């Protein structure tokens, strides 16, 4: 008869065979990372698993098979590799697994409790991912695009942005506090005052947003209210980014003022085209499906973090599949907003 006991359960019944469910997560995960740290090139997953089994004297439970018929140790290491990739400690490619500089540092600093550290960071990553997915809805992209179009010397209110997508101003403030949107400090309260819950996204930044706005040309009265004449109301934002009611077309914000350090907007204007940087992406046709793009981005941009790959996927999907002939292109350059032209055709990359 076989029973299970906990390590500190005290007495074990005499004459009974006992299977101890000992699973040494720290040891197994640390060993896998050490194998990758010793390699100068990506290591195939199967080779990592085989080497872990060779270096560690596995317990009976670690060697036992799960319901899928695989050794429990292999299943654990494979699952853990997903956590490591999510937090940036390893990278995965067709060639295998490779430890990153962040992973080497983590192994060096947390060798004794590597499982606790990585699982805690992965849980934080998972919570962040859920939050990110909430803000990835199309309406919130409209809000982000609108904020990025607020030029120096201008401001809009949280109520203006709320009107764009029919949400409450409290949700707008939550979005701005959570998502790092460029110059979000140009979004003020309805009366033109700094939002009560305003915060910078840059760690350690403490300068007064009112002083930053004043330096950009915003005029404040003695009560700290921004000039109403410098406000961009909801209808003007909607004109720049919203749909054309007569045609069903819409405007798209495409950033071109700093592509690899170069302002390509003048070239767009002179040659009547718009482009998107995708140096690592394989050739794809306009109208590519979301799943096809996701597969391509996961493979071609595996060197980026999950958040960076998701942003790239969203950007490429909009450019290749959602932008249609008849839509307009909007961009910014040197503090000015340009409504460039209407799209006549879609070309792949």
C-alpha atoms as a PDB file:
ATOM      1  CA  UNK A   1       0.000   0.000   0.000  1.00  0.00           C
ATOM      2  CA  UNK A   2       1.350   3.402  -0.933  1.00  0.00           C
ATOM      3  CA  UNK A   3       0.516   6.586   0.927  1.00  0.00           C
ATOM      4  CA  UNK A   4       1.640  10.222   0.837  1.00  0.00           C
ATOM      5  CA  UNK A   5       3.225  12.074   3.705  1.00  0.00           C
ATOM      6  CA  UNK A   6       4.247  15.653   4.273  1.00  0.00           C
ATOM      7  CA  UNK A   7       7.922  16.156   5.189  1.00  0.00           C
ATOM      8  CA  UNK A   8       7.181  17.450   8.667  1.00  0.00           C
ATOM      9  CA  UNK A   9       4.247  15.100   9.349  1.00  0.00           C
ATOM     10  CA  UNK A  10       6.053  13.386  12.194  1.00  0.00           C
ATOM     11  CA  UNK A  11       5.760   9.594  12.415  1.00  0.00           C
ATOM     12  CA  UNK A  12       5.428   7.377   9.346  1.00  0.00           C
ATOM     13  CA  UNK A  13       3.407   4.149   9.845  1.00  0.00           C
ATOM     14  CA  UNK A  14       5.785   1.189  10.153  1.00  0.00           C
ATOM     15  CA  UNK A  15       5.697  -1.396   7.409  1.00  0.00           C
ATOM     16  CA  UNK A  16       4.100   0.857   4.824  1.00  0.00           C
ATOM     17  CA  UNK A  17       5.789   1.922   1.591  1.00  0.00           C
ATOM     18  CA  UNK A  18       5.796   5.702   1.383  1.00  0.00           C
ATOM     19  CA  UNK A  19       6.102   7.948  -1.708  1.00  0.00           C
ATOM     20  CA  UNK A  20       7.271  11.429  -0.828  1.00  0.00           C
ATOM     21  CA  UNK A  21       5.991  14.122  -3.185  1.00  0.00           C
ATOM     22  CA  UNK A  22       9.236  16.033  -3.137  1.00  0.00           C
ATOM     23  CA  UNK A  23       9.575  18.540  -5.956  1.00  0.00           C
ATOM     24  CA  UNK A  24      12.639  20.744  -5.639  1.00  0.00           C
ATOM     25  CA  UNK A  25      11.581  23.731  -7.725  1.00  0.00           C
ATOM     26  CA  UNK A  26      14.499  25.988  -6.790  1.00  0.00           C
ATOM     27  CA  UNK A  27      17.094  23.318  -7.558  1.00  0.00           C
ATOM     28  CA  UNK A  28      15.580  22.292 -10.889  1.00  0.00           C
ATOM     29  CA  UNK A  29      15.037  25.832 -12.110  1.00  0.00           C
ATOM     30  CA  UNK A  30      18.479  26.962 -10.962  1.00  0.00           C
ATOM     31  CA  UNK A  31      20.084  24.004 -12.751  1.00  0.00           C
ATOM     32  CA  UNK A  32      18.288  24.829 -16.007  1.00  0.00           C
ATOM     33  CA  UNK A  33      19.475  28.435 -15.803  1.00  0.00           C
ATOM     34  CA  UNK A  34      23.037  27.324 -15.040  1.00  0.00           C
ATOM     35  CA  UNK A  35      23.013  25.125 -18.155  1.00  0.00           C
ATOM     36  CA  UNK A  36      21.965  28.093 -20.279  1.00  0.00           C
ATOM     37  CA  UNK A  37      24.477  30.394 -18.568  1.00  0.00           C
ATOM     38  CA  UNK A  38      27.327  28.019 -19.461  1.00  0.00           C
ATOM     39  CA  UNK A  39      26.376  27.977 -23.147  1.00  0.00           C
ATOM     40  CA  UNK A  40      27.491  30.552 -25.687  1.00  0.00           C
ATOM     41  CA  UNK A  41      24.578  29.832 -28.014  1.00  0.00           C
ATOM     42  CA  UNK A  42      20.910  28.853 -27.778  1.00  0.00           C
ATOM     43  CA  UNK A  43      20.386  25.380 -26.298  1.00  0.00           C
ATOM     44  CA  UNK A  44      17.614  23.135 -27.696  1.00  0.00           C
ATOM     45  CA  UNK A  45      14.859  22.521 -25.146  1.00  0.00           C
ATOM     46  CA  UNK A  46      15.312  18.746 -25.233  1.00  0.00           C
ATOM     47  CA  UNK A  47      19.008  19.136 -24.503  1.00  0.00           C
ATOM     48  CA  UNK A  48      18.260  21.358 -21.496  1.00  0.00           C
ATOM     49  CA  UNK A  49      15.833  18.782 -20.087  1.00  0.00           C
ATOM     50  CA  UNK A  50      18.289  15.935 -20.615  1.00  0.00           C
ATOM     51  CA  UNK A  51      21.098  17.860 -18.953  1.00  0.00           C
ATOM     52  CA  UNK A  52      18.921  18.727 -15.936  1.00  0.00           C
ATOM     53  CA  UNK A  53      18.146  15.026 -15.465  1.00  0.00           C
ATOM     54  CA  UNK A  54      21.851  14.224 -15.757  1.00  0.00           C
ATOM     55  CA  UNK A  55      23.060  16.818 -13.235  1.00  0.00           C
ATOM     56  CA  UNK A  56      20.329  16.387 -10.618  1.00  0.00           C
ATOM     57  CA  UNK A  57      19.684  13.128  -8.803  1.00  0.00           C
ATOM     58  CA  UNK A  58      15.941  13.170  -9.325  1.00  0.00           C
ATOM     59  CA  UNK A  59      13.503  11.940  -6.715  1.00  0.00           C
ATOM     60  CA  UNK A  60      11.055   9.207  -7.576  1.00  0.00           C
ATOM     61  CA  UNK A  61       8.264  11.748  -7.776  1.00  0.00           C
ATOM     62  CA  UNK A  62      10.253  14.069 -10.049  1.00  0.00           C
ATOM     63  CA  UNK A  63      10.933  11.144 -12.396  1.00  0.00           C
ATOM     64  CA  UNK A  64       7.339   9.870 -12.334  1.00  0.00           C
ATOM     65  CA  UNK A  65       5.021  10.413 -15.277  1.00  0.00           C
ATOM     66  CA  UNK A  66       2.048  12.746 -15.267  1.00  0.00           C
ATOM     67  CA  UNK A  67      -1.317  12.016 -16.906  1.00  0.00           C
ATOM     68  CA  UNK A  68       0.135  13.056 -20.273  1.00  0.00           C
ATOM     69  CA  UNK A  69       2.830  10.412 -19.987  1.00  0.00           C
ATOM     70  CA  UNK A  70       5.679  12.909 -19.566  1.00  0.00           C
ATOM     71  CA  UNK A  71       8.176  13.080 -16.688  1.00  0.00           C
ATOM     72  CA  UNK A  72       6.984  15.633 -14.161  1.00  0.00           C
ATOM     73  CA  UNK A  73      10.408  17.261 -14.116  1.00  0.00           C
ATOM     74  CA  UNK A  74      10.215  17.944 -17.870  1.00  0.00           C
ATOM     75  CA  UNK A  75       6.747  19.456 -17.584  1.00  0.00           C
ATOM     76  CA  UNK A  76       7.842  21.703 -14.736  1.00  0.00           C
ATOM     77  CA  UNK A  77      10.967  22.978 -16.496  1.00  0.00           C
ATOM     78  CA  UNK A  78       9.015  23.677 -19.686  1.00  0.00           C
ATOM     79  CA  UNK A  79       6.338  25.589 -17.789  1.00  0.00           C
ATOM     80  CA  UNK A  80       8.978  27.480 -15.831  1.00  0.00           C
ATOM     81  CA  UNK A  81      10.740  28.435 -19.059  1.00  0.00           C
ATOM     82  CA  UNK A  82       7.554  30.272 -20.048  1.00  0.00           C
ATOM     83  CA  UNK A  83       7.720  32.275 -16.831  1.00  0.00           C
ATOM     84  CA  UNK A  84      11.395  33.027 -17.446  1.00  0.00           C
ATOM     85  CA  UNK A  85      10.677  34.255 -20.943  1.00  0.00           C
ATOM     86  CA  UNK A  86       7.799  36.439 -19.765  1.00  0.00           C
ATOM     87  CA  UNK A  87       9.972  38.241 -17.206  1.00  0.00           C
ATOM     88  CA  UNK A  88      12.863  38.606 -19.625  1.00  0.00           C
ATOM     89  CA  UNK A  89      15.318  36.083 -18.163  1.00  0.00           C
ATOM     90  CA  UNK A  90      15.511  33.883 -21.275  1.00  0.00           C
ATOM     91  CA  UNK A  91      14.715  34.142 -24.963  1.00  0.00           C
ATOM     92  CA  UNK A  92      13.278  31.397 -27.131  1.00  0.00           C
ATOM     93  CA  UNK A  93      13.795  30.770 -30.838  1.00  0.00           C
ATOM     94  CA  UNK A  94      13.790  27.860 -33.266  1.00  0.00           C
ATOM     95  CA  UNK A  95      17.403  27.263 -32.248  1.00  0.00           C
ATOM     96  CA  UNK A  96      16.552  26.829 -28.582  1.00  0.00           C
ATOM     97  CA  UNK A  97      16.650  28.727 -25.288  1.00  0.00           C
ATOM     98  CA  UNK A  98      19.166  31.476 -24.502  1.00  0.00           C
ATOM     99  CA  UNK A  99      19.719  33.234 -21.190  1.00  0.00           C
ATOM    100  CA  UNK A 100      19.657  37.045 -21.244  1.00  0.00           C
ATOM    101  CA  UNK A 101      21.858  39.456 -19.314  1.00  0.00           C
ATOM    102  CA  UNK A 102      18.920  40.027 -16.968  1.00  0.00           C
ATOM    103  CA  UNK A 103      18.671  36.275 -16.483  1.00  0.00           C
ATOM    104  CA  UNK A 104      22.371  36.006 -15.630  1.00  0.00           C
ATOM    105  CA  UNK A 105      21.968  38.760 -13.056  1.00  0.00           C
ATOM    106  CA  UNK A 106      18.886  37.087 -11.605  1.00  0.00           C
ATOM    107  CA  UNK A 107      20.664  33.740 -11.339  1.00  0.00           C
ATOM    108  CA  UNK A 108      23.628  35.333  -9.622  1.00  0.00           C
ATOM    109  CA  UNK A 109      21.562  37.346  -7.134  1.00  0.00           C
ATOM    110  CA  UNK A 110      18.774  34.835  -6.426  1.00  0.00           C
ATOM    111  CA  UNK A 111      20.378  31.401  -6.774  1.00  0.00           C
ATOM    112  CA  UNK A 112      18.988  30.207  -3.447  1.00  0.00           C
ATOM    113  CA  UNK A 113      15.371  31.279  -4.018  1.00  0.00           C
ATOM    114  CA  UNK A 114      15.129  31.512  -7.785  1.00  0.00           C
ATOM    115  CA  UNK A 115      11.692  29.855  -7.902  1.00  0.00           C
ATOM    116  CA  UNK A 116      10.131  32.242  -5.406  1.00  0.00           C
ATOM    117  CA  UNK A 117      11.593  35.270  -7.201  1.00  0.00           C
ATOM    118  CA  UNK A 118      10.609  34.211 -10.715  1.00  0.00           C
ATOM    119  CA  UNK A 119       7.102  33.072  -9.748  1.00  0.00           C
ATOM    120  CA  UNK A 120       6.488  36.346  -7.899  1.00  0.00           C
ATOM    121  CA  UNK A 121       7.667  38.372 -10.891  1.00  0.00           C
ATOM    122  CA  UNK A 122       5.594  36.278 -13.263  1.00  0.00           C
ATOM    123  CA  UNK A 123       2.454  36.856 -11.195  1.00  0.00           C
ATOM    124  CA  UNK A 124       3.155  40.594 -11.362  1.00  0.00           C
ATOM    125  CA  UNK A 125       3.674  40.271 -15.113  1.00  0.00           C
ATOM    126  CA  UNK A 126       0.376  38.396 -15.500  1.00  0.00           C
ATOM    127  CA  UNK A 127      -1.503  41.100 -13.588  1.00  0.00           C
ATOM    128  CA  UNK A 128       0.143  43.750 -15.749  1.00  0.00           C
ATOM    129  CA  UNK A 129      -0.781  41.802 -18.879  1.00  0.00           C
ATOM    130  CA  UNK A 130      -4.455  41.730 -17.908  1.00  0.00           C
ATOM    131  CA  UNK A 131      -4.359  45.474 -17.331  1.00  0.00           C
ATOM    132  CA  UNK A 132      -2.628  46.005 -20.658  1.00  0.00           C
ATOM    133  CA  UNK A 133      -5.222  43.910 -22.484  1.00  0.00           C
ATOM    134  CA  UNK A 134      -7.946  46.100 -21.008  1.00  0.00           C
ATOM    135  CA  UNK A 135      -6.308  49.242 -22.346  1.00  0.00           C
ATOM    136  CA  UNK A 136      -5.567  47.588 -25.715  1.00  0.00           C
ATOM    137  CA  UNK A 137      -9.200  47.892 -26.794  1.00  0.00           C
ATOM    138  CA  UNK A 138      -9.629  50.096 -29.911  1.00  0.00           C
ATOM    139  CA  UNK A 139     -11.315  52.934 -28.033  1.00  0.00           C
ATOM    140  CA  UNK A 140      -8.321  53.433 -25.786  1.00  0.00           C
ATOM    141  CA  UNK A 141      -6.019  53.577 -28.795  1.00  0.00           C
ATOM    142  CA  UNK A 142      -8.184  56.472 -29.978  1.00  0.00           C
ATOM    143  CA  UNK A 143      -7.615  58.219 -26.647  1.00  0.00           C
ATOM    144  CA  UNK A 144      -3.860  57.664 -26.858  1.00  0.00           C
ATOM    145  CA  UNK A 145      -3.755  58.969 -30.419  1.00  0.00           C
ATOM    146  CA  UNK A 146      -5.732  62.041 -29.371  1.00  0.00           C
ATOM    147  CA  UNK A 147      -3.383  62.808 -26.467  1.00  0.00           C
ATOM    148  CA  UNK A 148      -0.366  62.519 -28.742  1.00  0.00           C
ATOM    149  CA  UNK A 149      -1.910  65.099 -31.080  1.00  0.00           C
ATOM    150  CA  UNK A 150      -2.135  67.767 -28.359  1.00  0.00           C
ATOM    151  CA  UNK A 151       0.719  70.041 -29.410  1.00  0.00           C
ATOM    152  CA  UNK A 152       2.859  72.346 -27.266  1.00  0.00           C
ATOM    153  CA  UNK A 153       0.942  75.377 -26.074  1.00  0.00           C
ATOM    154  CA  UNK A 154      -2.372  73.471 -26.100  1.00  0.00           C
ATOM    155  CA  UNK A 155      -4.337  71.340 -23.678  1.00  0.00           C
ATOM    156  CA  UNK A 156      -7.454  69.174 -23.522  1.00  0.00           C
ATOM    157  CA  UNK A 157      -9.482  67.980 -20.571  1.00  0.00           C
ATOM    158  CA  UNK A 158     -10.291  64.537 -19.255  1.00  0.00           C
ATOM    159  CA  UNK A 159     -13.921  65.288 -20.160  1.00  0.00           C
ATOM    160  CA  UNK A 160     -12.919  66.032 -23.768  1.00  0.00           C
ATOM    161  CA  UNK A 161     -11.234  62.643 -24.055  1.00  0.00           C
ATOM    162  CA  UNK A 162     -14.117  60.890 -22.315  1.00  0.00           C
ATOM    163  CA  UNK A 163     -16.501  62.315 -24.932  1.00  0.00           C
ATOM    164  CA  UNK A 164     -14.472  60.662 -27.712  1.00  0.00           C
ATOM    165  CA  UNK A 165     -15.251  57.102 -26.635  1.00  0.00           C
ATOM    166  CA  UNK A 166     -18.242  57.601 -24.338  1.00  0.00           C
ATOM    167  CA  UNK A 167     -16.641  56.719 -20.998  1.00  0.00           C
ATOM    168  CA  UNK A 168     -16.384  58.539 -17.694  1.00  0.00           C
ATOM    169  CA  UNK A 169     -13.616  61.021 -16.956  1.00  0.00           C
ATOM    170  CA  UNK A 170     -12.523  58.814 -14.037  1.00  0.00           C
ATOM    171  CA  UNK A 171     -11.664  56.047 -16.520  1.00  0.00           C
ATOM    172  CA  UNK A 172      -9.656  58.529 -18.580  1.00  0.00           C
ATOM    173  CA  UNK A 173      -7.652  59.507 -15.502  1.00  0.00           C
ATOM    174  CA  UNK A 174      -7.077  55.834 -14.646  1.00  0.00           C
ATOM    175  CA  UNK A 175      -5.873  55.204 -18.198  1.00  0.00           C
ATOM    176  CA  UNK A 176      -3.453  58.140 -18.094  1.00  0.00           C
ATOM    177  CA  UNK A 177      -2.134  57.022 -14.697  1.00  0.00           C
ATOM    178  CA  UNK A 178      -1.573  53.465 -15.949  1.00  0.00           C
ATOM    179  CA  UNK A 179      -0.421  53.766 -19.555  1.00  0.00           C
ATOM    180  CA  UNK A 180       2.689  55.737 -20.441  1.00  0.00           C
ATOM    181  CA  UNK A 181       1.231  58.066 -23.060  1.00  0.00           C
ATOM    182  CA  UNK A 182       3.569  60.796 -24.394  1.00  0.00           C
ATOM    183  CA  UNK A 183       2.919  64.283 -22.908  1.00  0.00           C
ATOM    184  CA  UNK A 184      -0.106  63.100 -20.912  1.00  0.00           C
ATOM    185  CA  UNK A 185       0.475  66.133 -18.679  1.00  0.00           C
ATOM    186  CA  UNK A 186      -1.324  68.191 -21.366  1.00  0.00           C
ATOM    187  CA  UNK A 187      -4.590  66.608 -20.236  1.00  0.00           C
ATOM    188  CA  UNK A 188      -6.116  68.759 -17.490  1.00  0.00           C
ATOM    189  CA  UNK A 189      -9.314  68.868 -15.496  1.00  0.00           C
ATOM    190  CA  UNK A 190     -12.485  70.416 -16.908  1.00  0.00           C
ATOM    191  CA  UNK A 191     -11.578  73.800 -15.364  1.00  0.00           C
ATOM    192  CA  UNK A 192      -8.054  73.709 -16.762  1.00  0.00           C
ATOM    193  CA  UNK A 193      -6.319  72.674 -13.541  1.00  0.00           C
ATOM    194  CA  UNK A 194      -3.761  69.903 -13.065  1.00  0.00           C
ATOM    195  CA  UNK A 195      -5.497  66.564 -12.456  1.00  0.00           C
ATOM    196  CA  UNK A 196      -5.655  65.793  -8.739  1.00  0.00           C
ATOM    197  CA  UNK A 197      -4.292  62.278  -9.250  1.00  0.00           C
ATOM    198  CA  UNK A 198      -1.660  63.250 -11.838  1.00  0.00           C
ATOM    199  CA  UNK A 199       1.625  61.363 -11.702  1.00  0.00           C
ATOM    200  CA  UNK A 200       4.686  61.090 -13.906  1.00  0.00           C
ATOM    201  CA  UNK A 201       5.523  57.697 -15.355  1.00  0.00           C
ATOM    202  CA  UNK A 202       9.271  58.306 -15.250  1.00  0.00           C
ATOM    203  CA  UNK A 203      10.753  56.943 -12.022  1.00  0.00           C
ATOM    204  CA  UNK A 204      12.030  59.706  -9.760  1.00  0.00           C
ATOM    205  CA  UNK A 205      10.538  62.571 -11.769  1.00  0.00           C
ATOM    206  CA  UNK A 206       9.160  65.251  -9.453  1.00  0.00           C
ATOM    207  CA  UNK A 207       8.940  68.487 -11.469  1.00  0.00           C
ATOM    208  CA  UNK A 208       5.705  70.470 -11.430  1.00  0.00           C
ATOM    209  CA  UNK A 209       3.561  69.719 -14.528  1.00  0.00           C
ATOM    210  CA  UNK A 210       2.178  73.260 -14.373  1.00  0.00           C
ATOM    211  CA  UNK A 211       5.680  74.656 -14.770  1.00  0.00           C
ATOM    212  CA  UNK A 212       6.306  72.304 -17.704  1.00  0.00           C
ATOM    213  CA  UNK A 213       3.105  73.509 -19.383  1.00  0.00           C
ATOM    214  CA  UNK A 214       3.949  77.152 -18.713  1.00  0.00           C
ATOM    215  CA  UNK A 215       7.344  76.637 -20.350  1.00  0.00           C
ATOM    216  CA  UNK A 216       5.497  75.284 -23.408  1.00  0.00           C
ATOM    217  CA  UNK A 217       3.378  78.445 -23.589  1.00  0.00           C
ATOM    218  CA  UNK A 218       0.259  77.613 -21.580  1.00  0.00           C
ATOM    219  CA  UNK A 219      -1.043  80.659 -19.719  1.00  0.00           C
ATOM    220  CA  UNK A 220      -2.471  80.163 -16.215  1.00  0.00           C
ATOM    221  CA  UNK A 221      -4.554  82.591 -14.191  1.00  0.00           C
ATOM    222  CA  UNK A 222      -3.994  83.346 -10.520  1.00  0.00           C
ATOM    223  CA  UNK A 223      -6.219  80.398  -9.543  1.00  0.00           C
ATOM    224  CA  UNK A 224      -4.077  77.955 -11.569  1.00  0.00           C
ATOM    225  CA  UNK A 225      -6.542  77.526 -14.448  1.00  0.00           C
ATOM    226  CA  UNK A 226      -5.184  77.170 -17.985  1.00  0.00           C
ATOM    227  CA  UNK A 227      -6.397  79.593 -20.634  1.00  0.00           C
ATOM    228  CA  UNK A 228      -9.614  78.417 -22.269  1.00  0.00           C
ATOM    229  CA  UNK A 229      -8.383  79.853 -25.586  1.00  0.00           C
ATOM    230  CA  UNK A 230      -5.589  77.264 -25.642  1.00  0.00           C
ATOM    231  CA  UNK A 231      -7.912  74.324 -25.075  1.00  0.00           C
ATOM    232  CA  UNK A 232      -8.547  71.743 -27.809  1.00  0.00           C
ATOM    233  CA  UNK A 233     -12.149  70.612 -27.219  1.00  0.00           C
ATOM    234  CA  UNK A 234     -13.625  67.216 -27.999  1.00  0.00           C
ATOM    235  CA  UNK A 235     -15.085  68.241 -31.352  1.00  0.00           C
ATOM    236  CA  UNK A 236     -11.678  69.336 -32.663  1.00  0.00           C
ATOM    237  CA  UNK A 237     -10.083  66.104 -31.471  1.00  0.00           C
ATOM    238  CA  UNK A 238     -12.892  64.189 -33.131  1.00  0.00           C
ATOM    239  CA  UNK A 239     -12.323  66.075 -36.372  1.00  0.00           C
ATOM    240  CA  UNK A 240      -8.664  65.036 -36.339  1.00  0.00           C
ATOM    241  CA  UNK A 241      -9.144  61.381 -35.449  1.00  0.00           C
ATOM    242  CA  UNK A 242     -12.784  60.423 -35.784  1.00  0.00           C
ATOM    243  CA  UNK A 243     -14.713  58.730 -38.569  1.00  0.00           C
ATOM    244  CA  UNK A 244     -16.051  60.600 -41.584  1.00  0.00           C
ATOM    245  CA  UNK A 245     -19.818  60.234 -41.193  1.00  0.00           C
ATOM    246  CA  UNK A 246     -20.446  60.570 -44.931  1.00  0.00           C
ATOM    247  CA  UNK A 247     -18.034  57.857 -46.077  1.00  0.00           C
ATOM    248  CA  UNK A 248     -17.469  55.671 -43.011  1.00  0.00           C
ATOM    249  CA  UNK A 249     -13.731  56.368 -43.363  1.00  0.00           C
ATOM    250  CA  UNK A 250     -11.549  57.234 -40.403  1.00  0.00           C
ATOM    251  CA  UNK A 251      -8.237  58.931 -39.687  1.00  0.00           C
ATOM    252  CA  UNK A 252      -5.144  57.085 -38.506  1.00  0.00           C
ATOM    253  CA  UNK A 253      -2.241  58.482 -36.542  1.00  0.00           C
ATOM    254  CA  UNK A 254       1.060  57.265 -38.003  1.00  0.00           C
ATOM    255  CA  UNK A 255       4.200  58.491 -36.251  1.00  0.00           C
ATOM    256  CA  UNK A 256       7.066  59.522 -38.515  1.00  0.00           C
ATOM    257  CA  UNK A 257       8.961  62.319 -36.779  1.00  0.00           C
ATOM    258  CA  UNK A 258      11.522  60.000 -35.158  1.00  0.00           C
ATOM    259  CA  UNK A 259      11.918  56.755 -37.114  1.00  0.00           C
ATOM    260  CA  UNK A 260      15.326  55.431 -36.016  1.00  0.00           C
ATOM    261  CA  UNK A 261      16.194  59.030 -35.197  1.00  0.00           C
ATOM    262  CA  UNK A 262      15.070  60.395 -38.590  1.00  0.00           C
ATOM    263  CA  UNK A 263      12.065  62.622 -39.358  1.00  0.00           C
ATOM    264  CA  UNK A 264      10.512  60.970 -42.430  1.00  0.00           C
ATOM    265  CA  UNK A 265       7.408  63.186 -42.541  1.00  0.00           C
ATOM    266  CA  UNK A 266       8.905  65.565 -45.176  1.00  0.00           C
ATOM    267  CA  UNK A 267       9.546  62.550 -47.427  1.00  0.00           C
ATOM    268  CA  UNK A 268       5.957  61.355 -46.927  1.00  0.00           C
ATOM    269  CA  UNK A 269       4.663  64.806 -47.857  1.00  0.00           C
ATOM    270  CA  UNK A 270       6.812  65.149 -50.971  1.00  0.00           C
ATOM    271  CA  UNK A 271       6.285  61.606 -52.286  1.00  0.00           C
ATOM    272  CA  UNK A 272       2.668  61.046 -51.134  1.00  0.00           C
ATOM    273  CA  UNK A 273       3.102  57.814 -49.219  1.00  0.00           C
ATOM    274  CA  UNK A 274       3.229  56.662 -45.620  1.00  0.00           C
ATOM    275  CA  UNK A 275       5.334  53.850 -44.168  1.00  0.00           C
ATOM    276  CA  UNK A 276       5.920  51.874 -41.003  1.00  0.00           C
ATOM    277  CA  UNK A 277       9.282  50.683 -39.678  1.00  0.00           C
ATOM    278  CA  UNK A 278       9.429  46.867 -39.702  1.00  0.00           C
ATOM    279  CA  UNK A 279      13.029  45.959 -40.459  1.00  0.00           C
ATOM    280  CA  UNK A 280      12.809  42.480 -38.919  1.00  0.00           C
ATOM    281  CA  UNK A 281       9.431  41.474 -40.344  1.00  0.00           C
ATOM    282  CA  UNK A 282       9.161  38.907 -43.122  1.00  0.00           C
ATOM    283  CA  UNK A 283       7.367  39.936 -46.376  1.00  0.00           C
ATOM    284  CA  UNK A 284       3.591  40.138 -45.845  1.00  0.00           C
ATOM    285  CA  UNK A 285       0.692  41.288 -47.964  1.00  0.00           C
ATOM    286  CA  UNK A 286      -1.759  44.035 -47.048  1.00  0.00           C
ATOM    287  CA  UNK A 287      -4.860  42.552 -45.416  1.00  0.00           C
ATOM    288  CA  UNK A 288      -2.905  39.883 -43.501  1.00  0.00           C
ATOM    289  CA  UNK A 289      -4.980  38.241 -40.786  1.00  0.00           C
ATOM    290  CA  UNK A 290      -4.365  38.790 -37.071  1.00  0.00           C
ATOM    291  CA  UNK A 291      -3.228  35.207 -36.444  1.00  0.00           C
ATOM    292  CA  UNK A 292      -0.796  35.323 -39.372  1.00  0.00           C
ATOM    293  CA  UNK A 293       0.660  38.585 -38.119  1.00  0.00           C
ATOM    294  CA  UNK A 294       0.898  37.321 -34.550  1.00  0.00           C
ATOM    295  CA  UNK A 295       2.853  34.245 -35.709  1.00  0.00           C
ATOM    296  CA  UNK A 296       5.202  36.439 -37.740  1.00  0.00           C
ATOM    297  CA  UNK A 297       5.778  38.947 -34.928  1.00  0.00           C
ATOM    298  CA  UNK A 298       6.371  36.220 -32.331  1.00  0.00           C
ATOM    299  CA  UNK A 299       9.060  34.677 -34.561  1.00  0.00           C
ATOM    300  CA  UNK A 300      10.626  37.761 -36.148  1.00  0.00           C
ATOM    301  CA  UNK A 301      10.653  39.897 -32.989  1.00  0.00           C
ATOM    302  CA  UNK A 302      11.444  37.196 -30.425  1.00  0.00           C
ATOM    303  CA  UNK A 303      14.256  39.439 -29.134  1.00  0.00           C
ATOM    304  CA  UNK A 304      11.669  41.903 -27.802  1.00  0.00           C
ATOM    305  CA  UNK A 305       9.721  41.656 -24.547  1.00  0.00           C
ATOM    306  CA  UNK A 306       6.102  40.513 -24.496  1.00  0.00           C
ATOM    307  CA  UNK A 307       4.874  44.105 -24.117  1.00  0.00           C
ATOM    308  CA  UNK A 308       7.020  45.296 -27.040  1.00  0.00           C
ATOM    309  CA  UNK A 309       5.840  42.425 -29.257  1.00  0.00           C
ATOM    310  CA  UNK A 310       2.202  43.159 -28.419  1.00  0.00           C
ATOM    311  CA  UNK A 311       2.650  46.846 -29.269  1.00  0.00           C
ATOM    312  CA  UNK A 312       4.348  45.912 -32.551  1.00  0.00           C
ATOM    313  CA  UNK A 313       1.537  43.481 -33.396  1.00  0.00           C
ATOM    314  CA  UNK A 314      -1.148  46.098 -32.724  1.00  0.00           C
ATOM    315  CA  UNK A 315       0.718  48.651 -34.828  1.00  0.00           C
ATOM    316  CA  UNK A 316       1.281  46.281 -37.763  1.00  0.00           C
ATOM    317  CA  UNK A 317      -2.265  44.922 -37.735  1.00  0.00           C
ATOM    318  CA  UNK A 318      -3.690  48.441 -37.925  1.00  0.00           C
ATOM    319  CA  UNK A 319      -1.298  49.402 -40.730  1.00  0.00           C
ATOM    320  CA  UNK A 320      -1.669  46.275 -42.860  1.00  0.00           C
ATOM    321  CA  UNK A 321      -5.237  45.180 -42.216  1.00  0.00           C
ATOM    322  CA  UNK A 322      -7.377  47.909 -40.672  1.00  0.00           C
ATOM    323  CA  UNK A 323      -6.307  50.934 -42.729  1.00  0.00           C
ATOM    324  CA  UNK A 324      -8.449  51.053 -45.855  1.00  0.00           C
ATOM    325  CA  UNK A 325      -8.533  53.086 -49.082  1.00  0.00           C
ATOM    326  CA  UNK A 326     -10.415  56.306 -48.325  1.00  0.00           C
ATOM    327  CA  UNK A 327      -9.069  56.584 -44.773  1.00  0.00           C
ATOM    328  CA  UNK A 328      -6.990  59.628 -43.872  1.00  0.00           C
ATOM    329  CA  UNK A 329      -3.495  59.720 -42.400  1.00  0.00           C
ATOM    330  CA  UNK A 330      -2.631  62.098 -39.562  1.00  0.00           C
ATOM    331  CA  UNK A 331       0.861  62.659 -38.179  1.00  0.00           C
ATOM    332  CA  UNK A 332       2.852  65.117 -36.078  1.00  0.00           C
ATOM    333  CA  UNK A 333       6.145  66.851 -36.785  1.00  0.00           C
ATOM    334  CA  UNK A 334       7.916  69.592 -34.864  1.00  0.00           C
ATOM    335  CA  UNK A 335       4.869  70.303 -32.730  1.00  0.00           C
ATOM    336  CA  UNK A 336       2.453  70.564 -35.653  1.00  0.00           C
ATOM    337  CA  UNK A 337      -0.406  68.255 -36.661  1.00  0.00           C
ATOM    338  CA  UNK A 338      -0.645  67.244 -40.343  1.00  0.00           C
ATOM    339  CA  UNK A 339      -3.662  65.667 -41.984  1.00  0.00           C
ATOM    340  CA  UNK A 340      -1.638  64.248 -44.854  1.00  0.00           C
ATOM    341  CA  UNK A 341      -3.856  62.629 -47.461  1.00  0.00           C
ATOM    342  CA  UNK A 342      -6.397  59.909 -48.091  1.00  0.00           C
ATOM    343  CA  UNK A 343      -5.178  56.383 -48.694  1.00  0.00           C
ATOM    344  CA  UNK A 344      -5.542  55.180 -52.289  1.00  0.00           C
ATOM    345  CA  UNK A 345      -4.085  51.723 -51.892  1.00  0.00           C
ATOM    346  CA  UNK A 346      -2.562  49.327 -49.370  1.00  0.00           C
ATOM    347  CA  UNK A 347       0.843  47.767 -49.938  1.00  0.00           C
ATOM    348  CA  UNK A 348       2.448  44.910 -48.010  1.00  0.00           C
ATOM    349  CA  UNK A 349       5.836  44.878 -46.322  1.00  0.00           C
END
